[in-house]
Amino acid sequence: MGKDMAKPKVVVWMPMYDQTGHQWFEEAGADLVVVDSIDAQAVMAELPDAKAIWVRTPERITAEMMDAAPELVVISTSGFGTDNVDIPAATERGILVVNNLGFGRKPVSEHTIMLMLAVMNRLTWGDRATRDGSGWEARTNAGFLELEGSTVGILGLGYIGSELTRKLTTGFRCRVLVYDPYVDKRIPFTVGAEMVDDLDEMLKQISILCICAELTDETREMISKRELELLPKGSIVVNTARGAILDIDALTEALASGHIFGAGIDTTFPEPLPASHPLLKNENVIFTPHTAGLTTSTATAQTRFAVNQVMSIVGGGEPTFPLNREAWEGKVSRQPK
């Protein structure tokens, strides 16, 4: 088989969320290599003749890795987040970067509400105390809270934030305040959100803060010591976005002081937290291991979409969700002709 007829090599860094995707890549005509290791050098060894790479968060594609891949056409993230790819470096080299939008809307919004309810009802304490028998005497003084009618603040009104707002306003009759200076101004009206122009003013009025924003230079540690202090005493913090948006050490201090009642945490920075981190010992914090978007149906749909988008691009088709279309418009573009 000649070079022009060869199957395009696709590297998958860490197994896909639905591993049937590996079969789908092969059925679509890819020469697939799955690197099940966090070792970047192991990935780089496979890149010299690769046309595409799909990377699962939090593994990061750097400029050095791109320089080891002279034939690379496209980099695909595993979901919506793009903070694990050096996009400017990809653009300089004419490499397209794509993501997979919208698939986390339902599962992450449901997971966020689950964490809110679990914290407010001290679910992990209740489970343990039932099993060891200690709960029966302590249950009348456990300080359980109710979600219905609460004032909730949401940072970021994108796919997930807007769906979360809709669920909270229609299902729990919550008042929902939102801070997002970049949102399409039509969206708040469709989901019942009240937009707030100043983050500080929103924080002062809410009893629950839900972080749903994308990680950018602007949002990195946007919620830190000062912001947590602006929340009313007894508030709850839930993070199902990126861990680096929330200063985890500041949250630890706010919980220890009693200013924050509890937290629901799906993502942290670093991830995972060191085993010695004091937050892991706090019974008012409920953790999940970055699983908010990993329902079976969503993992399958997202994986199938990623396979189709990558294979379309290496075959010369148009990307559905390009993040740096300008990479294909310059002199160094690697767009297949």
C-alpha atoms as a PDB file:
ATOM      1  CA  MET A   1       0.000   0.000   0.000  1.00  0.00           C
ATOM      2  CA  GLY A   2       1.460   3.377  -0.997  1.00  0.00           C
ATOM      3  CA  LYS A   3       1.957   6.273   1.373  1.00  0.00           C
ATOM      4  CA  ASP A   4      -1.056   8.176  -0.015  1.00  0.00           C
ATOM      5  CA  MET A   5      -3.277   5.149   0.598  1.00  0.00           C
ATOM      6  CA  ALA A   6      -1.991   4.448   4.115  1.00  0.00           C
ATOM      7  CA  LYS A   7      -4.365   4.632   7.018  1.00  0.00           C
ATOM      8  CA  PRO A   8      -4.008   7.866   9.010  1.00  0.00           C
ATOM      9  CA  LYS A   9      -2.377   7.249  12.360  1.00  0.00           C
ATOM     10  CA  VAL A  10      -4.449   8.429  15.326  1.00  0.00           C
ATOM     11  CA  VAL A  11      -2.997   8.499  18.839  1.00  0.00           C
ATOM     12  CA  VAL A  12      -5.362   8.288  21.806  1.00  0.00           C
ATOM     13  CA  TRP A  13      -3.655   9.479  24.980  1.00  0.00           C
ATOM     14  CA  MET A  14      -5.321   7.572  27.825  1.00  0.00           C
ATOM     15  CA  PRO A  15      -8.292   5.309  27.013  1.00  0.00           C
ATOM     16  CA  MET A  16     -11.448   7.028  25.826  1.00  0.00           C
ATOM     17  CA  TYR A  17     -14.348   7.390  28.266  1.00  0.00           C
ATOM     18  CA  ASP A  18     -16.291   4.867  26.193  1.00  0.00           C
ATOM     19  CA  GLN A  19     -13.612   2.502  24.993  1.00  0.00           C
ATOM     20  CA  THR A  20     -15.826   1.351  22.145  1.00  0.00           C
ATOM     21  CA  GLY A  21     -14.423   4.518  20.594  1.00  0.00           C
ATOM     22  CA  HIS A  22     -11.168   2.683  19.942  1.00  0.00           C
ATOM     23  CA  GLN A  23     -13.081   0.247  17.745  1.00  0.00           C
ATOM     24  CA  TRP A  24     -14.949   3.101  16.058  1.00  0.00           C
ATOM     25  CA  PHE A  25     -11.649   4.762  15.123  1.00  0.00           C
ATOM     26  CA  GLU A  26     -10.436   1.552  13.532  1.00  0.00           C
ATOM     27  CA  GLU A  27     -13.738   0.986  11.730  1.00  0.00           C
ATOM     28  CA  ALA A  28     -13.467   4.535  10.357  1.00  0.00           C
ATOM     29  CA  GLY A  29     -10.089   3.673   8.837  1.00  0.00           C
ATOM     30  CA  ALA A  30      -7.598   4.841  11.463  1.00  0.00           C
ATOM     31  CA  ASP A  31      -4.327   3.173  12.369  1.00  0.00           C
ATOM     32  CA  LEU A  32      -4.992   3.535  16.084  1.00  0.00           C
ATOM     33  CA  VAL A  33      -2.458   3.652  18.923  1.00  0.00           C
ATOM     34  CA  VAL A  34      -3.707   3.942  22.512  1.00  0.00           C
ATOM     35  CA  VAL A  35      -1.131   5.186  25.020  1.00  0.00           C
ATOM     36  CA  ASP A  36      -2.375   4.171  28.468  1.00  0.00           C
ATOM     37  CA  SER A  37       0.273   6.059  30.431  1.00  0.00           C
ATOM     38  CA  ILE A  38       0.742   9.547  31.839  1.00  0.00           C
ATOM     39  CA  ASP A  39       4.311   9.521  30.500  1.00  0.00           C
ATOM     40  CA  ALA A  40       4.553  12.256  27.854  1.00  0.00           C
ATOM     41  CA  GLN A  41       7.698  10.658  26.428  1.00  0.00           C
ATOM     42  CA  ALA A  42       5.732   7.499  25.639  1.00  0.00           C
ATOM     43  CA  VAL A  43       3.254   9.625  23.705  1.00  0.00           C
ATOM     44  CA  MET A  44       5.966  11.564  21.895  1.00  0.00           C
ATOM     45  CA  ALA A  45       7.466   8.305  20.665  1.00  0.00           C
ATOM     46  CA  GLU A  46       4.229   7.692  18.737  1.00  0.00           C
ATOM     47  CA  LEU A  47       3.858  11.187  17.282  1.00  0.00           C
ATOM     48  CA  PRO A  48       6.367  11.474  14.397  1.00  0.00           C
ATOM     49  CA  ASP A  49       3.940   9.927  11.883  1.00  0.00           C
ATOM     50  CA  ALA A  50       0.644  10.730  13.634  1.00  0.00           C
ATOM     51  CA  LYS A  51      -2.088  12.709  11.884  1.00  0.00           C
ATOM     52  CA  ALA A  52      -4.263  13.225  14.964  1.00  0.00           C
ATOM     53  CA  ILE A  53      -4.206  12.959  18.721  1.00  0.00           C
ATOM     54  CA  TRP A  54      -7.137  12.753  21.125  1.00  0.00           C
ATOM     55  CA  VAL A  55      -6.150  13.654  24.693  1.00  0.00           C
ATOM     56  CA  ARG A  56      -8.021  13.013  27.926  1.00  0.00           C
ATOM     57  CA  THR A  57      -7.926  15.630  30.656  1.00  0.00           C
ATOM     58  CA  PRO A  58      -5.741  16.327  32.602  1.00  0.00           C
ATOM     59  CA  GLU A  59      -2.903  15.138  30.327  1.00  0.00           C
ATOM     60  CA  ARG A  60      -1.462  18.141  28.510  1.00  0.00           C
ATOM     61  CA  ILE A  61      -0.315  18.628  24.922  1.00  0.00           C
ATOM     62  CA  THR A  62       2.667  20.996  24.907  1.00  0.00           C
ATOM     63  CA  ALA A  63       4.648  22.798  22.223  1.00  0.00           C
ATOM     64  CA  GLU A  64       7.472  20.273  22.725  1.00  0.00           C
ATOM     65  CA  MET A  65       5.104  17.427  21.934  1.00  0.00           C
ATOM     66  CA  MET A  66       3.858  19.208  18.831  1.00  0.00           C
ATOM     67  CA  ASP A  67       7.439  19.605  17.627  1.00  0.00           C
ATOM     68  CA  ALA A  68       7.726  15.808  17.768  1.00  0.00           C
ATOM     69  CA  ALA A  69       4.737  15.538  15.417  1.00  0.00           C
ATOM     70  CA  PRO A  70       5.595  17.084  12.034  1.00  0.00           C
ATOM     71  CA  GLU A  71       2.575  15.471  10.327  1.00  0.00           C
ATOM     72  CA  LEU A  72       0.007  16.269  13.029  1.00  0.00           C
ATOM     73  CA  VAL A  73      -3.165  17.791  11.581  1.00  0.00           C
ATOM     74  CA  VAL A  74      -5.519  17.967  14.551  1.00  0.00           C
ATOM     75  CA  ILE A  75      -5.588  17.796  18.337  1.00  0.00           C
ATOM     76  CA  SER A  76      -8.910  16.847  19.925  1.00  0.00           C
ATOM     77  CA  THR A  77      -9.717  17.393  23.580  1.00  0.00           C
ATOM     78  CA  SER A  78     -11.793  14.754  25.336  1.00  0.00           C
ATOM     79  CA  GLY A  79     -14.706  17.066  26.113  1.00  0.00           C
ATOM     80  CA  PHE A  80     -15.396  20.784  26.338  1.00  0.00           C
ATOM     81  CA  GLY A  81     -12.370  21.956  28.335  1.00  0.00           C
ATOM     82  CA  THR A  82      -9.327  23.169  26.404  1.00  0.00           C
ATOM     83  CA  ASP A  83      -6.935  24.215  29.157  1.00  0.00           C
ATOM     84  CA  ASN A  84      -4.812  21.085  28.636  1.00  0.00           C
ATOM     85  CA  VAL A  85      -3.731  22.075  25.110  1.00  0.00           C
ATOM     86  CA  ASP A  86      -1.290  24.871  24.251  1.00  0.00           C
ATOM     87  CA  ILE A  87      -3.554  26.412  21.614  1.00  0.00           C
ATOM     88  CA  PRO A  88      -1.243  29.325  20.648  1.00  0.00           C
ATOM     89  CA  ALA A  89       1.565  26.830  20.015  1.00  0.00           C
ATOM     90  CA  ALA A  90      -0.752  24.733  17.856  1.00  0.00           C
ATOM     91  CA  THR A  91      -1.814  27.791  15.866  1.00  0.00           C
ATOM     92  CA  GLU A  92       1.823  28.761  15.233  1.00  0.00           C
ATOM     93  CA  ARG A  93       2.406  25.308  13.757  1.00  0.00           C
ATOM     94  CA  GLY A  94      -0.759  25.200  11.667  1.00  0.00           C
ATOM     95  CA  ILE A  95      -2.349  22.471  13.794  1.00  0.00           C
ATOM     96  CA  LEU A  96      -6.107  22.608  14.335  1.00  0.00           C
ATOM     97  CA  VAL A  97      -7.476  22.159  17.871  1.00  0.00           C
ATOM     98  CA  VAL A  98     -11.063  21.025  18.371  1.00  0.00           C
ATOM     99  CA  ASN A  99     -13.296  20.221  21.322  1.00  0.00           C
ATOM    100  CA  ASN A 100     -16.683  18.579  21.807  1.00  0.00           C
ATOM    101  CA  LEU A 101     -19.349  21.018  22.950  1.00  0.00           C
ATOM    102  CA  GLY A 102     -22.611  20.535  24.766  1.00  0.00           C
ATOM    103  CA  PHE A 103     -22.389  16.945  25.962  1.00  0.00           C
ATOM    104  CA  GLY A 104     -21.942  17.784  29.649  1.00  0.00           C
ATOM    105  CA  ARG A 105     -25.080  19.902  29.890  1.00  0.00           C
ATOM    106  CA  LYS A 106     -27.377  17.272  31.406  1.00  0.00           C
ATOM    107  CA  PRO A 107     -25.076  15.095  33.502  1.00  0.00           C
ATOM    108  CA  VAL A 108     -23.015  17.906  35.010  1.00  0.00           C
ATOM    109  CA  SER A 109     -26.077  19.960  35.929  1.00  0.00           C
ATOM    110  CA  GLU A 110     -27.625  16.888  37.580  1.00  0.00           C
ATOM    111  CA  HIS A 111     -24.380  16.096  39.369  1.00  0.00           C
ATOM    112  CA  THR A 112     -24.145  19.668  40.638  1.00  0.00           C
ATOM    113  CA  ILE A 113     -27.612  19.474  42.151  1.00  0.00           C
ATOM    114  CA  MET A 114     -26.756  16.085  43.646  1.00  0.00           C
ATOM    115  CA  LEU A 115     -23.733  17.596  45.397  1.00  0.00           C
ATOM    116  CA  MET A 116     -25.771  20.542  46.630  1.00  0.00           C
ATOM    117  CA  LEU A 117     -28.401  18.270  48.149  1.00  0.00           C
ATOM    118  CA  ALA A 118     -25.809  15.872  49.537  1.00  0.00           C
ATOM    119  CA  VAL A 119     -23.960  18.678  51.332  1.00  0.00           C
ATOM    120  CA  MET A 120     -27.161  20.287  52.617  1.00  0.00           C
ATOM    121  CA  ASN A 121     -28.372  16.942  53.975  1.00  0.00           C
ATOM    122  CA  ARG A 122     -24.929  15.742  55.137  1.00  0.00           C
ATOM    123  CA  LEU A 123     -25.318  12.595  53.088  1.00  0.00           C
ATOM    124  CA  THR A 124     -21.947  10.987  53.757  1.00  0.00           C
ATOM    125  CA  TRP A 125     -22.318  11.590  57.501  1.00  0.00           C
ATOM    126  CA  GLY A 126     -25.805  10.073  57.385  1.00  0.00           C
ATOM    127  CA  ASP A 127     -24.591   6.983  55.574  1.00  0.00           C
ATOM    128  CA  ARG A 128     -21.701   6.412  57.982  1.00  0.00           C
ATOM    129  CA  ALA A 129     -23.768   7.206  61.077  1.00  0.00           C
ATOM    130  CA  THR A 130     -26.485   4.782  60.022  1.00  0.00           C
ATOM    131  CA  ARG A 131     -23.992   2.001  59.463  1.00  0.00           C
ATOM    132  CA  ASP A 132     -22.240   2.445  62.815  1.00  0.00           C
ATOM    133  CA  GLY A 133     -25.441   3.250  64.733  1.00  0.00           C
ATOM    134  CA  SER A 134     -24.322   6.673  65.956  1.00  0.00           C
ATOM    135  CA  GLY A 135     -26.758   8.625  63.831  1.00  0.00           C
ATOM    136  CA  TRP A 136     -29.914   7.888  65.744  1.00  0.00           C
ATOM    137  CA  GLU A 137     -28.958  10.034  68.699  1.00  0.00           C
ATOM    138  CA  ALA A 138     -27.332  12.829  66.674  1.00  0.00           C
ATOM    139  CA  ARG A 139     -29.857  13.210  63.838  1.00  0.00           C
ATOM    140  CA  THR A 140     -32.046  15.879  65.471  1.00  0.00           C
ATOM    141  CA  ASN A 141     -29.115  18.298  65.780  1.00  0.00           C
ATOM    142  CA  ALA A 142     -27.390  17.630  62.464  1.00  0.00           C
ATOM    143  CA  GLY A 143     -28.235  21.006  60.887  1.00  0.00           C
ATOM    144  CA  PHE A 144     -29.854  19.787  57.661  1.00  0.00           C
ATOM    145  CA  LEU A 145     -30.762  22.443  55.063  1.00  0.00           C
ATOM    146  CA  GLU A 146     -33.313  22.740  52.236  1.00  0.00           C
ATOM    147  CA  LEU A 147     -32.595  23.662  48.627  1.00  0.00           C
ATOM    148  CA  GLU A 148     -36.072  24.800  47.592  1.00  0.00           C
ATOM    149  CA  GLY A 149     -36.402  28.570  47.665  1.00  0.00           C
ATOM    150  CA  SER A 150     -32.685  29.179  48.193  1.00  0.00           C
ATOM    151  CA  THR A 151     -30.774  31.977  46.494  1.00  0.00           C
ATOM    152  CA  VAL A 152     -28.111  30.364  44.324  1.00  0.00           C
ATOM    153  CA  GLY A 153     -25.243  32.109  42.554  1.00  0.00           C
ATOM    154  CA  ILE A 154     -23.815  30.673  39.358  1.00  0.00           C
ATOM    155  CA  LEU A 155     -20.440  31.613  37.937  1.00  0.00           C
ATOM    156  CA  GLY A 156     -20.713  31.057  34.191  1.00  0.00           C
ATOM    157  CA  LEU A 157     -23.923  30.734  32.160  1.00  0.00           C
ATOM    158  CA  GLY A 158     -22.764  28.465  29.363  1.00  0.00           C
ATOM    159  CA  TYR A 159     -24.176  25.076  28.382  1.00  0.00           C
ATOM    160  CA  ILE A 160     -23.990  23.716  31.919  1.00  0.00           C
ATOM    161  CA  GLY A 161     -24.721  26.890  33.862  1.00  0.00           C
ATOM    162  CA  SER A 162     -27.857  27.610  31.853  1.00  0.00           C
ATOM    163  CA  GLU A 163     -29.171  24.055  32.238  1.00  0.00           C
ATOM    164  CA  LEU A 164     -28.430  24.134  35.960  1.00  0.00           C
ATOM    165  CA  THR A 165     -30.316  27.432  36.237  1.00  0.00           C
ATOM    166  CA  ARG A 166     -33.326  25.983  34.430  1.00  0.00           C
ATOM    167  CA  LYS A 167     -33.434  23.008  36.778  1.00  0.00           C
ATOM    168  CA  LEU A 168     -33.084  25.170  39.884  1.00  0.00           C
ATOM    169  CA  THR A 169     -35.696  27.744  38.923  1.00  0.00           C
ATOM    170  CA  THR A 170     -38.338  25.334  37.621  1.00  0.00           C
ATOM    171  CA  GLY A 171     -37.681  22.321  39.849  1.00  0.00           C
ATOM    172  CA  PHE A 172     -36.694  23.934  43.144  1.00  0.00           C
ATOM    173  CA  ARG A 173     -38.136  27.444  42.783  1.00  0.00           C
ATOM    174  CA  CYS A 174     -34.743  28.947  43.578  1.00  0.00           C
ATOM    175  CA  ARG A 175     -33.762  32.519  42.921  1.00  0.00           C
ATOM    176  CA  VAL A 176     -30.715  32.244  40.677  1.00  0.00           C
ATOM    177  CA  LEU A 177     -28.194  35.068  40.296  1.00  0.00           C
ATOM    178  CA  VAL A 178     -25.554  34.746  37.580  1.00  0.00           C
ATOM    179  CA  TYR A 179     -22.236  36.426  36.924  1.00  0.00           C
ATOM    180  CA  ASP A 180     -20.980  36.030  33.363  1.00  0.00           C
ATOM    181  CA  PRO A 181     -19.827  39.159  31.505  1.00  0.00           C
ATOM    182  CA  TYR A 182     -19.591  37.285  28.199  1.00  0.00           C
ATOM    183  CA  VAL A 183     -22.962  35.543  28.071  1.00  0.00           C
ATOM    184  CA  ASP A 184     -25.436  36.014  25.248  1.00  0.00           C
ATOM    185  CA  LYS A 185     -27.912  38.415  26.846  1.00  0.00           C
ATOM    186  CA  ARG A 186     -30.861  36.371  25.548  1.00  0.00           C
ATOM    187  CA  ILE A 187     -29.991  33.269  27.557  1.00  0.00           C
ATOM    188  CA  PRO A 188     -30.910  34.543  31.053  1.00  0.00           C
ATOM    189  CA  PHE A 189     -34.480  35.229  29.931  1.00  0.00           C
ATOM    190  CA  THR A 190     -34.941  31.673  28.695  1.00  0.00           C
ATOM    191  CA  VAL A 191     -33.850  30.017  31.954  1.00  0.00           C
ATOM    192  CA  GLY A 192     -35.052  32.465  34.592  1.00  0.00           C
ATOM    193  CA  ALA A 193     -31.665  33.832  35.659  1.00  0.00           C
ATOM    194  CA  GLU A 194     -31.017  37.268  37.131  1.00  0.00           C
ATOM    195  CA  MET A 195     -27.787  38.686  35.723  1.00  0.00           C
ATOM    196  CA  VAL A 196     -25.463  40.542  38.103  1.00  0.00           C
ATOM    197  CA  ASP A 197     -22.789  42.845  36.698  1.00  0.00           C
ATOM    198  CA  ASP A 198     -20.522  42.686  39.742  1.00  0.00           C
ATOM    199  CA  LEU A 199     -19.242  39.377  41.132  1.00  0.00           C
ATOM    200  CA  ASP A 200     -18.825  40.794  44.620  1.00  0.00           C
ATOM    201  CA  GLU A 201     -22.446  41.899  44.734  1.00  0.00           C
ATOM    202  CA  MET A 202     -23.622  38.447  43.677  1.00  0.00           C
ATOM    203  CA  LEU A 203     -21.525  36.714  46.317  1.00  0.00           C
ATOM    204  CA  LYS A 204     -22.998  38.857  49.095  1.00  0.00           C
ATOM    205  CA  GLN A 205     -26.569  37.814  48.249  1.00  0.00           C
ATOM    206  CA  ILE A 206     -26.373  34.043  47.841  1.00  0.00           C
ATOM    207  CA  SER A 207     -26.324  31.006  50.112  1.00  0.00           C
ATOM    208  CA  ILE A 208     -24.945  28.568  47.516  1.00  0.00           C
ATOM    209  CA  LEU A 209     -22.208  29.242  44.958  1.00  0.00           C
ATOM    210  CA  CYS A 210     -21.978  26.947  41.919  1.00  0.00           C
ATOM    211  CA  ILE A 211     -18.888  27.246  39.750  1.00  0.00           C
ATOM    212  CA  CYS A 212     -19.690  26.462  36.114  1.00  0.00           C
ATOM    213  CA  ALA A 213     -17.211  28.676  34.255  1.00  0.00           C
ATOM    214  CA  GLU A 214     -14.543  27.707  31.753  1.00  0.00           C
ATOM    215  CA  LEU A 215     -10.950  27.863  32.988  1.00  0.00           C
ATOM    216  CA  THR A 216      -9.144  30.842  31.457  1.00  0.00           C
ATOM    217  CA  ASP A 217      -6.448  33.248  32.615  1.00  0.00           C
ATOM    218  CA  GLU A 218      -9.278  35.468  33.848  1.00  0.00           C
ATOM    219  CA  THR A 219     -11.100  32.782  35.834  1.00  0.00           C
ATOM    220  CA  ARG A 220      -8.046  31.065  37.337  1.00  0.00           C
ATOM    221  CA  GLU A 221      -8.477  31.282  41.152  1.00  0.00           C
ATOM    222  CA  MET A 222     -11.353  33.693  40.606  1.00  0.00           C
ATOM    223  CA  ILE A 223     -12.866  32.312  43.805  1.00  0.00           C
ATOM    224  CA  SER A 224     -10.240  32.742  46.507  1.00  0.00           C
ATOM    225  CA  LYS A 225      -9.987  33.990  50.096  1.00  0.00           C
ATOM    226  CA  ARG A 226     -11.529  37.424  49.489  1.00  0.00           C
ATOM    227  CA  GLU A 227     -14.435  36.075  47.451  1.00  0.00           C
ATOM    228  CA  LEU A 228     -15.205  33.328  49.967  1.00  0.00           C
ATOM    229  CA  GLU A 229     -15.271  35.912  52.750  1.00  0.00           C
ATOM    230  CA  LEU A 230     -17.935  37.856  50.823  1.00  0.00           C
ATOM    231  CA  LEU A 231     -20.300  34.883  50.966  1.00  0.00           C
ATOM    232  CA  PRO A 232     -22.735  34.979  53.913  1.00  0.00           C
ATOM    233  CA  LYS A 233     -21.737  32.819  56.877  1.00  0.00           C
ATOM    234  CA  GLY A 234     -23.042  29.282  56.454  1.00  0.00           C
ATOM    235  CA  SER A 235     -22.883  29.271  52.660  1.00  0.00           C
ATOM    236  CA  ILE A 236     -22.126  26.275  50.456  1.00  0.00           C
ATOM    237  CA  VAL A 237     -19.659  26.076  47.553  1.00  0.00           C
ATOM    238  CA  VAL A 238     -19.974  23.559  44.704  1.00  0.00           C
ATOM    239  CA  ASN A 239     -17.396  23.159  41.949  1.00  0.00           C
ATOM    240  CA  THR A 240     -18.098  20.966  38.923  1.00  0.00           C
ATOM    241  CA  ALA A 241     -16.063  23.105  36.512  1.00  0.00           C
ATOM    242  CA  ARG A 242     -12.248  23.203  36.572  1.00  0.00           C
ATOM    243  CA  GLY A 243     -10.435  22.823  39.871  1.00  0.00           C
ATOM    244  CA  ALA A 244      -8.096  25.776  39.310  1.00  0.00           C
ATOM    245  CA  ILE A 245     -10.993  28.264  39.349  1.00  0.00           C
ATOM    246  CA  LEU A 246     -11.367  27.672  43.095  1.00  0.00           C
ATOM    247  CA  ASP A 247      -8.481  28.282  45.490  1.00  0.00           C
ATOM    248  CA  ILE A 248      -8.684  24.993  47.354  1.00  0.00           C
ATOM    249  CA  ASP A 249      -6.487  26.152  50.239  1.00  0.00           C
ATOM    250  CA  ALA A 250      -8.646  29.243  50.766  1.00  0.00           C
ATOM    251  CA  LEU A 251     -11.703  26.982  50.805  1.00  0.00           C
ATOM    252  CA  THR A 252     -10.029  24.754  53.384  1.00  0.00           C
ATOM    253  CA  GLU A 253      -9.483  27.759  55.659  1.00  0.00           C
ATOM    254  CA  ALA A 254     -13.031  29.057  55.178  1.00  0.00           C
ATOM    255  CA  LEU A 255     -14.468  25.662  56.118  1.00  0.00           C
ATOM    256  CA  ALA A 256     -12.175  25.289  59.120  1.00  0.00           C
ATOM    257  CA  SER A 257     -13.238  28.702  60.438  1.00  0.00           C
ATOM    258  CA  GLY A 258     -16.919  27.799  60.070  1.00  0.00           C
ATOM    259  CA  HIS A 259     -17.591  30.648  57.656  1.00  0.00           C
ATOM    260  CA  ILE A 260     -18.460  28.149  54.901  1.00  0.00           C
ATOM    261  CA  PHE A 261     -20.900  25.405  55.954  1.00  0.00           C
ATOM    262  CA  GLY A 262     -19.861  22.798  53.418  1.00  0.00           C
ATOM    263  CA  ALA A 263     -18.699  22.104  49.881  1.00  0.00           C
ATOM    264  CA  GLY A 264     -19.329  19.708  47.014  1.00  0.00           C
ATOM    265  CA  ILE A 265     -16.169  19.191  44.990  1.00  0.00           C
ATOM    266  CA  ASP A 266     -15.904  17.251  41.727  1.00  0.00           C
ATOM    267  CA  THR A 267     -12.681  18.900  40.546  1.00  0.00           C
ATOM    268  CA  THR A 268      -9.579  20.113  42.343  1.00  0.00           C
ATOM    269  CA  PHE A 269      -6.202  21.609  41.546  1.00  0.00           C
ATOM    270  CA  PRO A 270      -4.007  19.694  41.742  1.00  0.00           C
ATOM    271  CA  GLU A 271      -5.940  16.602  40.781  1.00  0.00           C
ATOM    272  CA  PRO A 272      -6.021  14.388  42.715  1.00  0.00           C
ATOM    273  CA  LEU A 273      -5.273  16.212  45.951  1.00  0.00           C
ATOM    274  CA  PRO A 274      -2.312  14.933  47.992  1.00  0.00           C
ATOM    275  CA  ALA A 275      -3.483  12.323  50.482  1.00  0.00           C
ATOM    276  CA  SER A 276      -2.334  14.579  53.328  1.00  0.00           C
ATOM    277  CA  HIS A 277      -4.453  17.572  52.272  1.00  0.00           C
ATOM    278  CA  PRO A 278      -6.619  18.656  55.233  1.00  0.00           C
ATOM    279  CA  LEU A 279      -9.681  19.188  53.049  1.00  0.00           C
ATOM    280  CA  LEU A 280      -9.922  15.431  52.545  1.00  0.00           C
ATOM    281  CA  LYS A 281     -10.526  15.021  56.271  1.00  0.00           C
ATOM    282  CA  ASN A 282     -13.362  17.557  56.467  1.00  0.00           C
ATOM    283  CA  GLU A 283     -16.700  15.755  56.905  1.00  0.00           C
ATOM    284  CA  ASN A 284     -18.632  18.743  55.569  1.00  0.00           C
ATOM    285  CA  VAL A 285     -17.053  18.288  52.144  1.00  0.00           C
ATOM    286  CA  ILE A 286     -18.387  15.732  49.678  1.00  0.00           C
ATOM    287  CA  PHE A 287     -16.012  14.719  46.897  1.00  0.00           C
ATOM    288  CA  THR A 288     -16.429  12.968  43.577  1.00  0.00           C
ATOM    289  CA  PRO A 289     -13.388  12.100  41.395  1.00  0.00           C
ATOM    290  CA  HIS A 290     -14.095  14.376  38.396  1.00  0.00           C
ATOM    291  CA  THR A 291     -17.028  12.216  37.317  1.00  0.00           C
ATOM    292  CA  ALA A 292     -19.786  14.805  36.841  1.00  0.00           C
ATOM    293  CA  GLY A 293     -19.936  14.353  33.072  1.00  0.00           C
ATOM    294  CA  LEU A 294     -19.248  10.634  32.885  1.00  0.00           C
ATOM    295  CA  THR A 295     -22.693   9.095  32.646  1.00  0.00           C
ATOM    296  CA  THR A 296     -22.815   6.125  30.302  1.00  0.00           C
ATOM    297  CA  SER A 297     -25.003   7.786  27.680  1.00  0.00           C
ATOM    298  CA  THR A 298     -22.994  10.997  27.633  1.00  0.00           C
ATOM    299  CA  ALA A 299     -19.649   9.194  27.459  1.00  0.00           C
ATOM    300  CA  THR A 300     -20.880   7.191  24.473  1.00  0.00           C
ATOM    301  CA  ALA A 301     -22.322  10.188  22.621  1.00  0.00           C
ATOM    302  CA  GLN A 302     -19.265  12.336  23.290  1.00  0.00           C
ATOM    303  CA  THR A 303     -16.860   9.604  22.232  1.00  0.00           C
ATOM    304  CA  ARG A 304     -18.710   8.891  19.000  1.00  0.00           C
ATOM    305  CA  PHE A 305     -18.798  12.598  18.152  1.00  0.00           C
ATOM    306  CA  ALA A 306     -15.064  12.975  18.832  1.00  0.00           C
ATOM    307  CA  VAL A 307     -14.232  10.028  16.575  1.00  0.00           C
ATOM    308  CA  ASN A 308     -16.393  11.381  13.758  1.00  0.00           C
ATOM    309  CA  GLN A 309     -14.968  14.903  14.033  1.00  0.00           C
ATOM    310  CA  VAL A 310     -11.330  13.757  14.068  1.00  0.00           C
ATOM    311  CA  MET A 311     -11.728  11.367  11.157  1.00  0.00           C
ATOM    312  CA  SER A 312     -13.598  13.974   9.123  1.00  0.00           C
ATOM    313  CA  ILE A 313     -10.792  16.477   9.640  1.00  0.00           C
ATOM    314  CA  VAL A 314      -7.930  14.139   8.704  1.00  0.00           C
ATOM    315  CA  GLY A 315      -9.946  13.245   5.619  1.00  0.00           C
ATOM    316  CA  GLY A 316     -10.173  16.872   4.549  1.00  0.00           C
ATOM    317  CA  GLY A 317     -13.600  17.681   6.002  1.00  0.00           C
ATOM    318  CA  GLU A 318     -14.675  20.737   7.948  1.00  0.00           C
ATOM    319  CA  PRO A 319     -14.350  20.739  11.749  1.00  0.00           C
ATOM    320  CA  THR A 320     -17.544  21.127  13.748  1.00  0.00           C
ATOM    321  CA  PHE A 321     -16.023  22.841  16.794  1.00  0.00           C
ATOM    322  CA  PRO A 322     -12.683  24.453  15.821  1.00  0.00           C
ATOM    323  CA  LEU A 323     -10.925  26.482  18.508  1.00  0.00           C
ATOM    324  CA  ASN A 324      -8.273  28.051  16.284  1.00  0.00           C
ATOM    325  CA  ARG A 325      -9.588  28.107  12.737  1.00  0.00           C
ATOM    326  CA  GLU A 326      -6.882  30.658  11.948  1.00  0.00           C
ATOM    327  CA  ALA A 327      -4.388  27.787  12.172  1.00  0.00           C
ATOM    328  CA  TRP A 328      -5.707  26.605   8.806  1.00  0.00           C
ATOM    329  CA  GLU A 329      -5.635  30.020   7.193  1.00  0.00           C
ATOM    330  CA  GLY A 330      -1.914  30.782   7.518  1.00  0.00           C
ATOM    331  CA  LYS A 331       1.122  29.798   5.495  1.00  0.00           C
ATOM    332  CA  VAL A 332       1.975  26.917   7.812  1.00  0.00           C
ATOM    333  CA  SER A 333      -1.497  25.393   7.705  1.00  0.00           C
ATOM    334  CA  ARG A 334      -1.581  21.592   7.778  1.00  0.00           C
ATOM    335  CA  GLN A 335      -5.117  21.388   6.441  1.00  0.00           C
ATOM    336  CA  PRO A 336      -5.432  18.303   4.232  1.00  0.00           C
ATOM    337  CA  LYS A 337      -5.946  19.292   0.606  1.00  0.00           C
END
